Protein backbone atom coordinates (compact mmCIF):
# COMPACT_ATOMS: atom_id res chain seq x y z
CA MET A 1 -31.32 16.83 10.14
CA SER A 2 -32.15 15.26 6.70
CA MET A 3 -33.94 11.61 6.37
CA GLU A 4 -32.42 9.24 4.17
CA ARG A 5 -34.93 6.81 2.34
CA PRO A 6 -34.07 3.41 3.28
CA PHE A 7 -32.99 1.44 0.82
CA SER A 8 -35.97 -0.93 -0.76
CA GLN A 9 -34.83 -4.84 -0.52
CA THR A 10 -34.10 -4.44 -4.95
CA GLU A 11 -31.82 -1.65 -4.13
CA ALA A 12 -30.50 -3.32 -0.40
CA LYS A 13 -29.45 -6.34 -3.30
CA GLY A 14 -28.37 -4.16 -5.90
CA PHE A 15 -25.98 -2.54 -3.27
CA MET A 16 -24.71 -5.75 -1.63
CA THR A 17 -23.30 -6.99 -5.48
CA GLY A 18 -21.95 -3.61 -6.30
CA TYR A 19 -20.50 -3.67 -2.85
CA LEU A 20 -19.08 -7.34 -3.45
CA ASP A 21 -17.71 -6.65 -6.68
CA ALA A 22 -15.89 -3.68 -5.43
CA LEU A 23 -14.01 -6.15 -2.56
CA ALA A 24 -13.37 -8.83 -5.21
CA LEU A 25 -11.96 -5.77 -7.19
CA VAL A 26 -10.00 -4.26 -4.51
CA GLU A 27 -8.14 -7.68 -3.97
CA ARG A 28 -7.56 -8.36 -7.43
CA LEU A 29 -5.97 -5.02 -8.33
CA HIS A 30 -3.57 -5.41 -5.11
CA ARG A 31 -2.20 -8.90 -6.33
CA LEU A 32 -2.09 -7.51 -9.57
CA LEU A 33 0.13 -4.51 -8.52
CA LEU A 34 2.51 -7.15 -6.85
CA ASP A 35 2.51 -8.93 -10.37
CA VAL A 36 3.41 -5.41 -12.05
CA VAL A 37 6.28 -4.70 -9.62
CA LYS A 38 7.46 -8.41 -9.71
CA ASP A 39 7.36 -7.81 -13.11
CA GLU A 40 9.17 -5.02 -13.35
CA PHE A 41 11.87 -6.22 -11.44
CA GLU A 42 12.50 -8.88 -13.46
CA ARG A 43 12.93 -6.97 -16.40
CA VAL A 44 15.47 -4.86 -14.89
CA GLY A 45 17.32 -7.72 -13.29
CA VAL A 46 16.70 -7.31 -10.30
CA LEU A 47 15.94 -10.85 -8.87
CA ASP A 48 16.83 -10.89 -5.08
CA ILE A 49 13.91 -9.12 -4.00
CA ASN A 50 10.04 -9.38 -3.83
CA ALA A 51 7.12 -7.13 -4.50
CA VAL A 52 6.38 -6.68 -0.95
CA GLN A 53 9.99 -5.79 -0.28
CA ALA A 54 10.06 -3.23 -2.69
CA LEU A 55 7.14 -1.31 -2.12
CA LEU A 56 8.16 -1.73 1.93
CA LEU A 57 11.01 0.30 0.32
CA PHE A 58 9.24 2.85 -1.89
CA ASN A 59 6.81 3.54 1.25
CA ILE A 60 9.80 4.23 3.82
CA GLY A 61 11.41 6.66 1.22
CA ASP A 62 13.45 9.20 2.61
CA ASN A 63 12.15 8.67 5.93
CA GLU A 64 13.87 6.50 9.04
CA VAL A 65 10.57 4.51 10.72
CA THR A 66 10.23 1.56 12.58
CA ALA A 67 7.96 -1.10 12.36
CA GLY A 68 5.64 -0.35 14.47
CA GLU A 69 5.40 3.31 12.58
CA LEU A 70 4.77 1.48 9.08
CA LYS A 71 1.72 -0.18 10.66
CA THR A 72 0.23 3.28 11.95
CA ARG A 73 0.59 4.22 8.96
CA GLY A 74 -1.22 1.75 7.45
CA TYR A 75 1.32 0.28 4.84
CA TYR A 76 1.45 -2.86 6.06
CA GLN A 77 -0.19 -5.22 8.46
CA GLY A 78 0.84 -8.24 10.84
CA SER A 79 4.35 -9.96 11.58
CA ASN A 80 5.66 -9.76 7.86
CA VAL A 81 6.80 -6.29 7.99
CA SER A 82 9.09 -7.16 11.05
CA TYR A 83 10.17 -10.54 8.42
CA ASN A 84 10.47 -8.30 5.86
CA LEU A 85 12.51 -5.28 7.03
CA LYS A 86 15.44 -8.19 8.88
CA LYS A 87 15.34 -9.56 5.30
CA LEU A 88 16.05 -6.01 3.61
CA VAL A 89 18.69 -5.94 6.51
CA GLU A 90 20.33 -8.98 5.98
CA MET A 91 20.50 -8.29 1.95
CA GLY A 92 21.86 -4.68 2.13
CA TYR A 93 18.61 -2.47 1.41
CA MET A 94 18.44 -0.95 5.08
CA HIS A 95 20.10 0.19 8.07
CA HIS A 96 18.93 -0.80 11.09
CA GLN A 97 19.60 1.35 14.79
CA ARG A 98 18.55 0.55 18.39
CA CYS A 99 16.39 3.87 19.40
CA GLU A 100 18.53 5.31 22.19
CA ILE A 101 15.44 6.15 24.27
CA ASP A 102 13.07 2.89 23.56
CA ARG A 103 16.09 -0.24 23.46
CA ARG A 104 13.44 -2.61 21.98
CA SER A 105 12.44 -0.45 19.42
CA VAL A 106 14.38 -0.59 15.98
CA ARG A 107 15.06 2.11 13.50
CA VAL A 108 15.54 1.62 10.12
CA ARG A 109 16.11 3.75 6.42
CA LEU A 110 17.29 3.13 3.26
CA THR A 111 20.84 2.67 2.48
CA PRO A 112 21.80 3.45 -1.07
CA ARG A 113 21.03 0.26 -2.64
CA GLY A 114 17.30 0.34 -1.14
CA ARG A 115 17.10 3.74 -2.56
CA GLU A 116 17.96 2.32 -6.27
CA ILE A 117 15.22 0.15 -5.06
CA ARG A 118 13.14 2.69 -4.29
CA ASP A 119 13.93 5.00 -7.00
CA ILE A 120 12.97 2.08 -9.59
CA VAL A 121 9.78 1.55 -8.15
CA ALA A 122 8.98 5.07 -8.36
CA SER A 123 10.14 5.37 -11.63
CA LEU A 124 7.31 2.55 -12.48
CA PHE A 125 4.47 4.41 -10.98
CA ALA A 126 5.21 7.60 -13.09
CA ARG A 127 5.42 5.92 -15.96
CA HIS A 128 1.82 4.23 -15.71
CA ALA A 129 0.58 7.68 -14.23
CA GLU A 130 1.54 9.28 -17.13
CA GLY A 131 0.15 6.01 -19.48
CA LEU A 132 -2.87 6.36 -17.30
CA GLU A 133 -3.68 10.32 -18.47
CA ALA A 134 -1.72 9.85 -21.84
CA LYS A 135 -4.82 7.30 -22.98
CA SER A 136 -7.15 9.01 -21.32
CA VAL A 137 -7.70 5.23 -18.92
CA ILE A 138 -8.68 8.03 -16.28
CA THR A 139 -8.66 11.66 -14.96
CA ALA A 140 -7.62 13.18 -12.52
CA GLU A 141 -10.99 14.27 -11.30
CA GLY A 142 -11.37 10.06 -11.30
CA ILE A 143 -8.52 9.00 -9.33
CA GLU A 144 -9.91 11.88 -6.65
CA ASP A 145 -13.27 10.24 -6.53
CA ILE A 146 -11.88 7.02 -6.08
CA THR A 147 -9.20 7.75 -3.28
CA ASN A 148 -11.87 9.93 -1.42
CA SER A 149 -14.01 6.45 -1.83
CA LEU A 150 -11.71 4.18 -0.80
CA LYS A 151 -10.96 6.62 2.15
CA ARG A 152 -14.37 6.67 3.60
CA MET A 153 -14.58 2.99 3.10
CA GLU A 154 -10.88 2.64 5.08
CA ARG A 155 -12.72 5.13 7.97
CA TYR A 156 -15.93 2.92 8.08
CA TRP A 157 -14.05 -0.59 8.36
CA SER A 158 -11.24 0.94 10.91
CA ASP A 159 -14.41 1.98 13.59
CA GLN A 160 -15.98 -1.26 12.49
CA ILE A 161 -12.76 -2.57 14.08
CA ARG A 162 -12.71 -0.26 16.89
CA TYR A 163 -15.89 -0.07 18.31
CA ILE A 164 -17.64 -3.32 17.39
CA TYR A 165 -15.63 -5.04 20.77
């Protein structure tokens, strides 16, 4: 069993500063992602859908899911999932159908119109991936490192929620 040396006060202060900077960056990146998606939809003339709804369609993809499944997969939190699903059905981007087994549960899937939105987002992300790589903004290894670090942080936070109370 390895014994790790505890942080000195100076190191702990530095780690805390870095942690807070990382949290602020994650929050800014999320808001910026929404702005980038919104800008793309304005550019292509799709004005009846917002960025959150577009990402919801992108994440559903070719699957048929319930709102609960979207939450458990980690795509969305809170009551806004149900609200956005309802709006997307009303606007013709999604089909909905009551589950045969559990009549309280509604399964949703994309309509052809919803798949068009998903394809716009997929194309946007593909262009960005190509640009990031072509301009050497980040390497495949760098993306993998970031993703692995964020997954470890996600597991840690999830454990805090589950086991603190």
